[in-house]
Amino acid sequence: MTVGIAAVSDKGNSIIFATDQMMSVGIRTADLPLVVKGYLVHKRWFAVWAGTVTLVPPILQKVRAALSSHADADISAVSAAFVSVYQAERARLAEQAVLSPFGLDMRMFVGHLTTGQSASLADMQRRIQDFDFDCEFLVGGFDPDGKPHIFTVTPPGVENHYDSIGFWCIGSGAEAALSSLLFRRIHSVMPFKQILYHVAEAKFMSECSLGVGKGTLFMSVTSDGKGGMLELEEVPKLRQLWETEGQPPIPPNLDMRVPDFWNPKDSKQSESEKSEGQP
């Protein structure tokens, strides 16, 4: 549930992020105006998230703590921190859910696996592998030399990089948002405001997806470490611009301009009429 979007702009000098503000609890959902699905993990690195909300804060806080010793964190340090923390947090919760009821921790469990096999151990191993840990992160930022990067961390703790594309999306609205960005053929040299419009358009298009709310936040980070956020009262202006001028219009006189379907029966009837008219 949700959507998160990131796109490089302004000749690679800034990255724009967009998220919805939908919060889901079981089968219930609500747009909450105070929900911010974004987090500055380092002075040049920003992350947005999708998935179970309760899983997110410990990961983001631990990533920020892991990067606090870096005066200037590069892509290697940031991605390694996210993957390490994500996998460790998943293992910790799986241990609590699967192993703790049997008085085991992960170290003890691995020891049992190396010394023997049983149906019980095999079942525990399967449950740990299938443990439901559904949060994902979309991270964007800059190396100390100003090079932009976008990457994701998704279950079970796998990183994927999108530097060559220059944009990516996560969440239940990702496919709709990606379709919009691909249709517009956006690229990182486009001016900041043009990319902002296309990111907004992608967010609005994604609202047809299950679990994506209409509440929208736009944030940015620049190569010199400056962060920004679009004022909430400005968001409706972007939506109105898209609704009134951005959506493709329907051509007039469609009944005259769209071709008719060819019907084989009409063709046979015409041939029959011709044959009947012959002497």
C-alpha atoms as a PDB file:
ATOM      1  CA  MET A   1       0.000   0.000   0.000  1.00  0.00           C
ATOM      2  CA  THR A   2       1.130   3.554  -0.785  1.00  0.00           C
ATOM      3  CA  VAL A   3       3.393   5.078  -3.411  1.00  0.00           C
ATOM      4  CA  GLY A   4       6.871   6.576  -3.235  1.00  0.00           C
ATOM      5  CA  ILE A   5       8.575   8.313  -6.161  1.00  0.00           C
ATOM      6  CA  ALA A   6      12.107   9.645  -6.643  1.00  0.00           C
ATOM      7  CA  ALA A   7      13.547  11.373  -9.708  1.00  0.00           C
ATOM      8  CA  VAL A   8      16.838  13.132 -10.447  1.00  0.00           C
ATOM      9  CA  SER A   9      16.487  16.635 -11.928  1.00  0.00           C
ATOM     10  CA  ASP A  10      18.308  19.860 -12.726  1.00  0.00           C
ATOM     11  CA  LYS A  11      21.241  18.241 -14.569  1.00  0.00           C
ATOM     12  CA  GLY A  12      21.785  15.829 -11.688  1.00  0.00           C
ATOM     13  CA  ASN A  13      21.931  18.484  -8.980  1.00  0.00           C
ATOM     14  CA  SER A  14      18.722  17.590  -7.133  1.00  0.00           C
ATOM     15  CA  ILE A  15      16.403  14.671  -6.439  1.00  0.00           C
ATOM     16  CA  ILE A  16      12.658  15.140  -6.024  1.00  0.00           C
ATOM     17  CA  PHE A  17      10.558  12.771  -3.910  1.00  0.00           C
ATOM     18  CA  ALA A  18       6.805  12.337  -3.645  1.00  0.00           C
ATOM     19  CA  THR A  19       4.687  10.175  -1.353  1.00  0.00           C
ATOM     20  CA  ASP A  20       1.050   9.827  -0.457  1.00  0.00           C
ATOM     21  CA  GLN A  21      -0.214  10.163   3.127  1.00  0.00           C
ATOM     22  CA  MET A  22      -2.360   7.055   3.305  1.00  0.00           C
ATOM     23  CA  MET A  23      -2.091   4.986   6.463  1.00  0.00           C
ATOM     24  CA  SER A  24      -3.403   1.426   6.479  1.00  0.00           C
ATOM     25  CA  VAL A  25      -4.233  -0.625   9.581  1.00  0.00           C
ATOM     26  CA  GLY A  26      -5.638  -4.002   8.615  1.00  0.00           C
ATOM     27  CA  ILE A  27      -8.523  -3.397   6.215  1.00  0.00           C
ATOM     28  CA  ARG A  28      -8.925   0.226   7.317  1.00  0.00           C
ATOM     29  CA  THR A  29      -7.251   3.158   5.602  1.00  0.00           C
ATOM     30  CA  ALA A  30      -7.192   6.915   6.065  1.00  0.00           C
ATOM     31  CA  ASP A  31      -5.443   9.945   4.618  1.00  0.00           C
ATOM     32  CA  LEU A  32      -3.668  11.537   7.572  1.00  0.00           C
ATOM     33  CA  PRO A  33      -2.375  15.102   7.061  1.00  0.00           C
ATOM     34  CA  LEU A  34       0.476  14.704   9.554  1.00  0.00           C
ATOM     35  CA  VAL A  35       1.880  11.498   8.047  1.00  0.00           C
ATOM     36  CA  VAL A  36       5.307  12.019   6.463  1.00  0.00           C
ATOM     37  CA  LYS A  37       6.687   8.965   4.680  1.00  0.00           C
ATOM     38  CA  GLY A  38      10.161  10.387   4.296  1.00  0.00           C
ATOM     39  CA  TYR A  39      13.279  10.595   6.439  1.00  0.00           C
ATOM     40  CA  LEU A  40      16.661  12.294   6.118  1.00  0.00           C
ATOM     41  CA  VAL A  41      19.187   9.579   6.990  1.00  0.00           C
ATOM     42  CA  HIS A  42      22.240  11.732   6.222  1.00  0.00           C
ATOM     43  CA  LYS A  43      22.809  15.298   5.108  1.00  0.00           C
ATOM     44  CA  ARG A  44      22.678  14.348   1.406  1.00  0.00           C
ATOM     45  CA  TRP A  45      20.533  11.196   1.621  1.00  0.00           C
ATOM     46  CA  PHE A  46      16.766  10.930   1.886  1.00  0.00           C
ATOM     47  CA  ALA A  47      14.550   7.827   2.093  1.00  0.00           C
ATOM     48  CA  VAL A  48      10.841   7.208   1.530  1.00  0.00           C
ATOM     49  CA  TRP A  49       9.094   3.987   2.441  1.00  0.00           C
ATOM     50  CA  ALA A  50       6.158   1.695   1.769  1.00  0.00           C
ATOM     51  CA  GLY A  51       4.721  -1.206   3.725  1.00  0.00           C
ATOM     52  CA  THR A  52       3.951  -1.951   7.361  1.00  0.00           C
ATOM     53  CA  VAL A  53       4.447   1.273   9.278  1.00  0.00           C
ATOM     54  CA  THR A  54       5.590  -0.368  12.526  1.00  0.00           C
ATOM     55  CA  LEU A  55       8.637  -1.898  10.825  1.00  0.00           C
ATOM     56  CA  VAL A  56       9.985   1.376   9.467  1.00  0.00           C
ATOM     57  CA  PRO A  57      11.150   3.607  12.399  1.00  0.00           C
ATOM     58  CA  PRO A  58      13.717   1.174  13.889  1.00  0.00           C
ATOM     59  CA  ILE A  59      15.339   0.663  10.496  1.00  0.00           C
ATOM     60  CA  LEU A  60      15.577   4.362   9.651  1.00  0.00           C
ATOM     61  CA  GLN A  61      16.882   5.293  13.089  1.00  0.00           C
ATOM     62  CA  LYS A  62      19.524   2.568  13.033  1.00  0.00           C
ATOM     63  CA  VAL A  63      20.602   3.525   9.502  1.00  0.00           C
ATOM     64  CA  ARG A  64      21.005   7.129  10.579  1.00  0.00           C
ATOM     65  CA  ALA A  65      23.044   6.008  13.611  1.00  0.00           C
ATOM     66  CA  ALA A  66      25.244   3.797  11.426  1.00  0.00           C
ATOM     67  CA  LEU A  67      25.955   6.723   9.098  1.00  0.00           C
ATOM     68  CA  SER A  68      26.520   9.284  11.860  1.00  0.00           C
ATOM     69  CA  SER A  69      30.248   8.556  11.910  1.00  0.00           C
ATOM     70  CA  HIS A  70      30.552   9.491   8.218  1.00  0.00           C
ATOM     71  CA  ALA A  71      31.239  13.141   7.541  1.00  0.00           C
ATOM     72  CA  ASP A  72      30.320  12.517   3.879  1.00  0.00           C
ATOM     73  CA  ALA A  73      28.591   9.214   3.163  1.00  0.00           C
ATOM     74  CA  ASP A  74      28.860   7.791  -0.353  1.00  0.00           C
ATOM     75  CA  ILE A  75      26.599   5.278  -2.082  1.00  0.00           C
ATOM     76  CA  SER A  76      28.583   2.303  -0.814  1.00  0.00           C
ATOM     77  CA  ALA A  77      28.247   3.353   2.835  1.00  0.00           C
ATOM     78  CA  VAL A  78      24.548   4.220   2.584  1.00  0.00           C
ATOM     79  CA  SER A  79      23.460   1.111   0.684  1.00  0.00           C
ATOM     80  CA  ALA A  80      25.546  -1.146   2.954  1.00  0.00           C
ATOM     81  CA  ALA A  81      23.985   0.436   6.038  1.00  0.00           C
ATOM     82  CA  PHE A  82      20.449  -0.025   4.725  1.00  0.00           C
ATOM     83  CA  VAL A  83      20.979  -3.653   3.685  1.00  0.00           C
ATOM     84  CA  SER A  84      22.744  -4.576   6.936  1.00  0.00           C
ATOM     85  CA  VAL A  85      20.163  -2.924   9.196  1.00  0.00           C
ATOM     86  CA  TYR A  86      17.223  -4.225   7.153  1.00  0.00           C
ATOM     87  CA  GLN A  87      18.438  -7.835   7.245  1.00  0.00           C
ATOM     88  CA  ALA A  88      19.348  -7.643  10.940  1.00  0.00           C
ATOM     89  CA  GLU A  89      15.937  -6.212  11.843  1.00  0.00           C
ATOM     90  CA  ARG A  90      14.149  -8.870   9.842  1.00  0.00           C
ATOM     91  CA  ALA A  91      16.202 -11.608  11.536  1.00  0.00           C
ATOM     92  CA  ARG A  92      15.520 -10.104  14.975  1.00  0.00           C
ATOM     93  CA  LEU A  93      11.752 -10.118  14.510  1.00  0.00           C
ATOM     94  CA  ALA A  94      11.774 -13.567  12.916  1.00  0.00           C
ATOM     95  CA  GLU A  95      13.717 -14.815  15.918  1.00  0.00           C
ATOM     96  CA  GLN A  96      11.094 -13.362  18.266  1.00  0.00           C
ATOM     97  CA  ALA A  97       8.182 -14.825  16.311  1.00  0.00           C
ATOM     98  CA  VAL A  98       9.555 -18.258  15.377  1.00  0.00           C
ATOM     99  CA  LEU A  99      12.416 -19.222  17.697  1.00  0.00           C
ATOM    100  CA  SER A 100      11.808 -17.515  21.044  1.00  0.00           C
ATOM    101  CA  PRO A 101       8.750 -19.671  21.911  1.00  0.00           C
ATOM    102  CA  PHE A 102      11.128 -22.662  21.848  1.00  0.00           C
ATOM    103  CA  GLY A 103      13.831 -20.954  23.917  1.00  0.00           C
ATOM    104  CA  LEU A 104      16.093 -20.534  20.890  1.00  0.00           C
ATOM    105  CA  ASP A 105      17.894 -17.590  19.354  1.00  0.00           C
ATOM    106  CA  MET A 106      19.301 -17.348  15.826  1.00  0.00           C
ATOM    107  CA  ARG A 107      22.806 -18.437  16.849  1.00  0.00           C
ATOM    108  CA  MET A 108      21.498 -21.535  18.592  1.00  0.00           C
ATOM    109  CA  PHE A 109      19.206 -22.338  15.674  1.00  0.00           C
ATOM    110  CA  VAL A 110      22.042 -22.149  13.132  1.00  0.00           C
ATOM    111  CA  GLY A 111      24.079 -24.412  15.390  1.00  0.00           C
ATOM    112  CA  HIS A 112      21.305 -27.007  15.390  1.00  0.00           C
ATOM    113  CA  LEU A 113      21.082 -26.827  11.596  1.00  0.00           C
ATOM    114  CA  THR A 114      24.791 -27.572  11.235  1.00  0.00           C
ATOM    115  CA  THR A 115      24.700 -30.603  13.550  1.00  0.00           C
ATOM    116  CA  GLY A 116      21.565 -32.303  12.310  1.00  0.00           C
ATOM    117  CA  GLN A 117      18.202 -32.146  10.567  1.00  0.00           C
ATOM    118  CA  SER A 118      14.676 -32.856  11.732  1.00  0.00           C
ATOM    119  CA  ALA A 119      11.136 -32.087  10.670  1.00  0.00           C
ATOM    120  CA  SER A 120      10.888 -29.447  13.415  1.00  0.00           C
ATOM    121  CA  LEU A 121      14.069 -27.685  12.314  1.00  0.00           C
ATOM    122  CA  ALA A 122      12.969 -27.801   8.697  1.00  0.00           C
ATOM    123  CA  ASP A 123       9.620 -26.252   9.638  1.00  0.00           C
ATOM    124  CA  MET A 124      11.329 -23.472  11.625  1.00  0.00           C
ATOM    125  CA  GLN A 125      13.672 -22.787   8.726  1.00  0.00           C
ATOM    126  CA  ARG A 126      10.733 -22.515   6.328  1.00  0.00           C
ATOM    127  CA  ARG A 127       8.866 -20.152   8.660  1.00  0.00           C
ATOM    128  CA  ILE A 128      11.926 -17.914   9.005  1.00  0.00           C
ATOM    129  CA  GLN A 129      12.414 -17.809   5.234  1.00  0.00           C
ATOM    130  CA  ASP A 130       8.722 -16.957   4.716  1.00  0.00           C
ATOM    131  CA  PHE A 131       8.547 -14.485   7.600  1.00  0.00           C
ATOM    132  CA  ASP A 132       6.283 -11.586   6.625  1.00  0.00           C
ATOM    133  CA  PHE A 133       8.451  -8.459   6.542  1.00  0.00           C
ATOM    134  CA  ASP A 134       6.919  -6.289   3.848  1.00  0.00           C
ATOM    135  CA  CYS A 135       8.468  -2.821   4.174  1.00  0.00           C
ATOM    136  CA  GLU A 136      10.553  -1.386   1.343  1.00  0.00           C
ATOM    137  CA  PHE A 137      12.674   1.734   0.978  1.00  0.00           C
ATOM    138  CA  LEU A 138      13.413   4.084  -1.899  1.00  0.00           C
ATOM    139  CA  VAL A 139      16.586   6.050  -1.205  1.00  0.00           C
ATOM    140  CA  GLY A 140      18.139   8.933  -3.090  1.00  0.00           C
ATOM    141  CA  GLY A 141      21.159  11.107  -2.461  1.00  0.00           C
ATOM    142  CA  PHE A 142      24.591  12.265  -3.508  1.00  0.00           C
ATOM    143  CA  ASP A 143      28.184  11.160  -3.192  1.00  0.00           C
ATOM    144  CA  PRO A 144      30.656  13.707  -1.778  1.00  0.00           C
ATOM    145  CA  ASP A 145      31.583  14.601  -5.386  1.00  0.00           C
ATOM    146  CA  GLY A 146      27.928  15.389  -6.176  1.00  0.00           C
ATOM    147  CA  LYS A 147      27.044  12.283  -8.185  1.00  0.00           C
ATOM    148  CA  PRO A 148      23.345  11.380  -7.709  1.00  0.00           C
ATOM    149  CA  HIS A 149      22.098   7.902  -6.844  1.00  0.00           C
ATOM    150  CA  ILE A 150      18.732   6.178  -6.449  1.00  0.00           C
ATOM    151  CA  PHE A 151      18.346   2.686  -5.011  1.00  0.00           C
ATOM    152  CA  THR A 152      15.793   0.460  -3.284  1.00  0.00           C
ATOM    153  CA  VAL A 153      15.922  -2.079  -0.480  1.00  0.00           C
ATOM    154  CA  THR A 154      13.138  -4.648  -0.677  1.00  0.00           C
ATOM    155  CA  PRO A 155      12.330  -7.976   1.051  1.00  0.00           C
ATOM    156  CA  PRO A 156      14.226  -9.950   2.201  1.00  0.00           C
ATOM    157  CA  GLY A 157      16.883  -7.186   2.212  1.00  0.00           C
ATOM    158  CA  VAL A 158      17.969  -6.891  -1.413  1.00  0.00           C
ATOM    159  CA  GLU A 159      19.300  -3.695  -2.978  1.00  0.00           C
ATOM    160  CA  ASN A 160      18.666  -2.556  -6.546  1.00  0.00           C
ATOM    161  CA  HIS A 161      20.154   0.544  -8.169  1.00  0.00           C
ATOM    162  CA  TYR A 162      18.518   2.877 -10.707  1.00  0.00           C
ATOM    163  CA  ASP A 163      21.236   5.421 -11.502  1.00  0.00           C
ATOM    164  CA  SER A 164      21.068   4.708 -15.229  1.00  0.00           C
ATOM    165  CA  ILE A 165      17.307   5.362 -15.275  1.00  0.00           C
ATOM    166  CA  GLY A 166      17.359   8.368 -12.975  1.00  0.00           C
ATOM    167  CA  PHE A 167      14.003   7.638 -11.342  1.00  0.00           C
ATOM    168  CA  TRP A 168      12.046   4.856  -9.638  1.00  0.00           C
ATOM    169  CA  CYS A 169       8.873   4.143  -7.647  1.00  0.00           C
ATOM    170  CA  ILE A 170       7.772   1.785  -4.867  1.00  0.00           C
ATOM    171  CA  GLY A 171       4.496   0.720  -3.289  1.00  0.00           C
ATOM    172  CA  SER A 172       1.159  -0.433  -4.620  1.00  0.00           C
ATOM    173  CA  GLY A 173       1.010   2.601  -6.919  1.00  0.00           C
ATOM    174  CA  ALA A 174       4.472   2.013  -8.404  1.00  0.00           C
ATOM    175  CA  GLU A 175       3.349   0.553 -11.740  1.00  0.00           C
ATOM    176  CA  ALA A 176       0.957   3.402 -12.493  1.00  0.00           C
ATOM    177  CA  ALA A 177       3.534   6.015 -11.463  1.00  0.00           C
ATOM    178  CA  LEU A 178       6.307   4.370 -13.499  1.00  0.00           C
ATOM    179  CA  SER A 179       4.043   4.199 -16.544  1.00  0.00           C
ATOM    180  CA  SER A 180       3.484   7.951 -16.318  1.00  0.00           C
ATOM    181  CA  LEU A 181       7.200   8.761 -15.944  1.00  0.00           C
ATOM    182  CA  LEU A 182       8.148   6.431 -18.789  1.00  0.00           C
ATOM    183  CA  PHE A 183       5.443   7.902 -21.021  1.00  0.00           C
ATOM    184  CA  ARG A 184       6.848  11.389 -20.408  1.00  0.00           C
ATOM    185  CA  ARG A 185      10.407  10.119 -21.062  1.00  0.00           C
ATOM    186  CA  ILE A 186      11.806  12.179 -18.214  1.00  0.00           C
ATOM    187  CA  HIS A 187      15.564  12.514 -17.790  1.00  0.00           C
ATOM    188  CA  SER A 188      17.864  14.022 -15.207  1.00  0.00           C
ATOM    189  CA  VAL A 189      18.868  17.091 -17.242  1.00  0.00           C
ATOM    190  CA  MET A 190      15.310  18.444 -17.199  1.00  0.00           C
ATOM    191  CA  PRO A 191      14.786  21.583 -15.073  1.00  0.00           C
ATOM    192  CA  PHE A 192      13.703  21.154 -11.470  1.00  0.00           C
ATOM    193  CA  LYS A 193      10.148  22.453 -11.953  1.00  0.00           C
ATOM    194  CA  GLN A 194       9.539  20.322 -15.025  1.00  0.00           C
ATOM    195  CA  ILE A 195      10.553  17.176 -13.157  1.00  0.00           C
ATOM    196  CA  LEU A 196       8.451  18.316 -10.180  1.00  0.00           C
ATOM    197  CA  TYR A 197       5.421  18.548 -12.466  1.00  0.00           C
ATOM    198  CA  HIS A 198       6.053  15.095 -13.959  1.00  0.00           C
ATOM    199  CA  VAL A 199       6.563  13.576 -10.492  1.00  0.00           C
ATOM    200  CA  ALA A 200       3.304  15.198  -9.377  1.00  0.00           C
ATOM    201  CA  GLU A 201       1.566  13.846 -12.467  1.00  0.00           C
ATOM    202  CA  ALA A 202       2.897  10.350 -11.727  1.00  0.00           C
ATOM    203  CA  LYS A 203       1.649  10.595  -8.137  1.00  0.00           C
ATOM    204  CA  PHE A 204      -1.810  11.715  -9.248  1.00  0.00           C
ATOM    205  CA  MET A 205      -1.971   8.930 -11.844  1.00  0.00           C
ATOM    206  CA  SER A 206      -1.038   6.367  -9.180  1.00  0.00           C
ATOM    207  CA  GLU A 207      -4.131   7.236  -7.143  1.00  0.00           C
ATOM    208  CA  CYS A 208      -6.102   4.722  -9.228  1.00  0.00           C
ATOM    209  CA  SER A 209      -4.114   1.999  -7.419  1.00  0.00           C
ATOM    210  CA  LEU A 210      -5.317   0.233  -4.290  1.00  0.00           C
ATOM    211  CA  GLY A 211      -4.089   1.863  -1.103  1.00  0.00           C
ATOM    212  CA  VAL A 212      -2.795   5.152  -2.598  1.00  0.00           C
ATOM    213  CA  GLY A 213      -4.280   8.223  -0.979  1.00  0.00           C
ATOM    214  CA  LYS A 214      -4.834  11.686  -2.431  1.00  0.00           C
ATOM    215  CA  GLY A 215      -2.826  13.444   0.253  1.00  0.00           C
ATOM    216  CA  THR A 216       0.581  14.256  -1.236  1.00  0.00           C
ATOM    217  CA  LEU A 217       3.961  15.441   0.005  1.00  0.00           C
ATOM    218  CA  PHE A 218       6.826  16.653  -2.192  1.00  0.00           C
ATOM    219  CA  MET A 219      10.378  16.788  -0.833  1.00  0.00           C
ATOM    220  CA  SER A 220      13.828  17.301  -2.315  1.00  0.00           C
ATOM    221  CA  VAL A 221      17.520  17.047  -1.557  1.00  0.00           C
ATOM    222  CA  THR A 222      20.336  18.756  -3.454  1.00  0.00           C
ATOM    223  CA  SER A 223      23.952  17.876  -4.144  1.00  0.00           C
ATOM    224  CA  ASP A 224      25.114  20.490  -1.618  1.00  0.00           C
ATOM    225  CA  GLY A 225      22.981  18.977   1.132  1.00  0.00           C
ATOM    226  CA  LYS A 226      20.072  21.390   1.101  1.00  0.00           C
ATOM    227  CA  GLY A 227      16.670  19.838   1.689  1.00  0.00           C
ATOM    228  CA  GLY A 228      13.286  21.256   0.821  1.00  0.00           C
ATOM    229  CA  MET A 229       9.572  20.557   1.028  1.00  0.00           C
ATOM    230  CA  LEU A 230       6.721  21.976  -1.033  1.00  0.00           C
ATOM    231  CA  GLU A 231       4.312  23.926   1.157  1.00  0.00           C
ATOM    232  CA  LEU A 232       1.106  21.942   1.660  1.00  0.00           C
ATOM    233  CA  GLU A 233      -1.074  24.773   0.361  1.00  0.00           C
ATOM    234  CA  GLU A 234       0.833  24.672  -2.944  1.00  0.00           C
ATOM    235  CA  VAL A 235       0.007  21.003  -3.640  1.00  0.00           C
ATOM    236  CA  PRO A 236      -3.617  21.674  -4.721  1.00  0.00           C
ATOM    237  CA  LYS A 237      -2.298  24.179  -7.269  1.00  0.00           C
ATOM    238  CA  LEU A 238      -0.221  21.432  -8.901  1.00  0.00           C
ATOM    239  CA  ARG A 239      -3.237  19.129  -8.937  1.00  0.00           C
ATOM    240  CA  GLN A 240      -5.447  21.806 -10.490  1.00  0.00           C
ATOM    241  CA  LEU A 241      -2.795  22.549 -13.129  1.00  0.00           C
ATOM    242  CA  TRP A 242      -2.685  18.855 -14.050  1.00  0.00           C
ATOM    243  CA  GLU A 243      -6.454  18.410 -14.000  1.00  0.00           C
ATOM    244  CA  THR A 244      -7.241  21.459 -16.109  1.00  0.00           C
ATOM    245  CA  GLU A 245      -4.312  21.546 -18.541  1.00  0.00           C
ATOM    246  CA  GLY A 246      -2.205  18.426 -18.156  1.00  0.00           C
ATOM    247  CA  GLN A 247      -4.571  15.535 -18.772  1.00  0.00           C
ATOM    248  CA  PRO A 248      -4.827  14.667 -22.482  1.00  0.00           C
ATOM    249  CA  PRO A 249      -8.071  16.041 -23.958  1.00  0.00           C
ATOM    250  CA  ILE A 250     -10.501  13.837 -25.886  1.00  0.00           C
ATOM    251  CA  PRO A 251     -10.555  14.841 -29.584  1.00  0.00           C
ATOM    252  CA  PRO A 252     -13.864  16.279 -30.800  1.00  0.00           C
ATOM    253  CA  ASN A 253     -16.212  14.547 -33.288  1.00  0.00           C
ATOM    254  CA  LEU A 254     -15.059  11.037 -32.422  1.00  0.00           C
ATOM    255  CA  ASP A 255     -18.109   9.481 -34.116  1.00  0.00           C
ATOM    256  CA  MET A 256     -16.902  10.907 -37.427  1.00  0.00           C
ATOM    257  CA  ARG A 257     -13.146  10.529 -36.999  1.00  0.00           C
ATOM    258  CA  VAL A 258     -12.703   7.095 -35.414  1.00  0.00           C
ATOM    259  CA  PRO A 259     -12.884   4.358 -38.065  1.00  0.00           C
ATOM    260  CA  ASP A 260     -15.606   1.723 -38.032  1.00  0.00           C
ATOM    261  CA  PHE A 261     -14.952  -1.953 -37.459  1.00  0.00           C
ATOM    262  CA  TRP A 262     -15.014  -4.155 -40.532  1.00  0.00           C
ATOM    263  CA  ASN A 263     -17.725  -6.793 -40.314  1.00  0.00           C
ATOM    264  CA  PRO A 264     -17.222 -10.021 -42.321  1.00  0.00           C
ATOM    265  CA  LYS A 265     -21.020 -10.481 -42.540  1.00  0.00           C
ATOM    266  CA  ASP A 266     -21.373  -7.160 -44.330  1.00  0.00           C
ATOM    267  CA  SER A 267     -18.746  -8.249 -46.825  1.00  0.00           C
ATOM    268  CA  LYS A 268     -20.493 -11.582 -47.499  1.00  0.00           C
ATOM    269  CA  GLN A 269     -23.822  -9.816 -47.881  1.00  0.00           C
ATOM    270  CA  SER A 270     -22.295  -7.396 -50.374  1.00  0.00           C
ATOM    271  CA  GLU A 271     -20.823 -10.261 -52.401  1.00  0.00           C
ATOM    272  CA  SER A 272     -24.196 -12.014 -52.340  1.00  0.00           C
ATOM    273  CA  GLU A 273     -25.965  -8.910 -53.597  1.00  0.00           C
ATOM    274  CA  LYS A 274     -23.470  -8.583 -56.424  1.00  0.00           C
ATOM    275  CA  SER A 275     -23.974 -12.219 -57.485  1.00  0.00           C
ATOM    276  CA  GLU A 276     -27.746 -11.847 -57.400  1.00  0.00           C
ATOM    277  CA  GLY A 277     -27.558  -8.821 -59.652  1.00  0.00           C
ATOM    278  CA  GLN A 278     -25.596 -10.671 -62.353  1.00  0.00           C
ATOM    279  CA  PRO A 279     -27.546 -12.023 -65.372  1.00  0.00           C
END
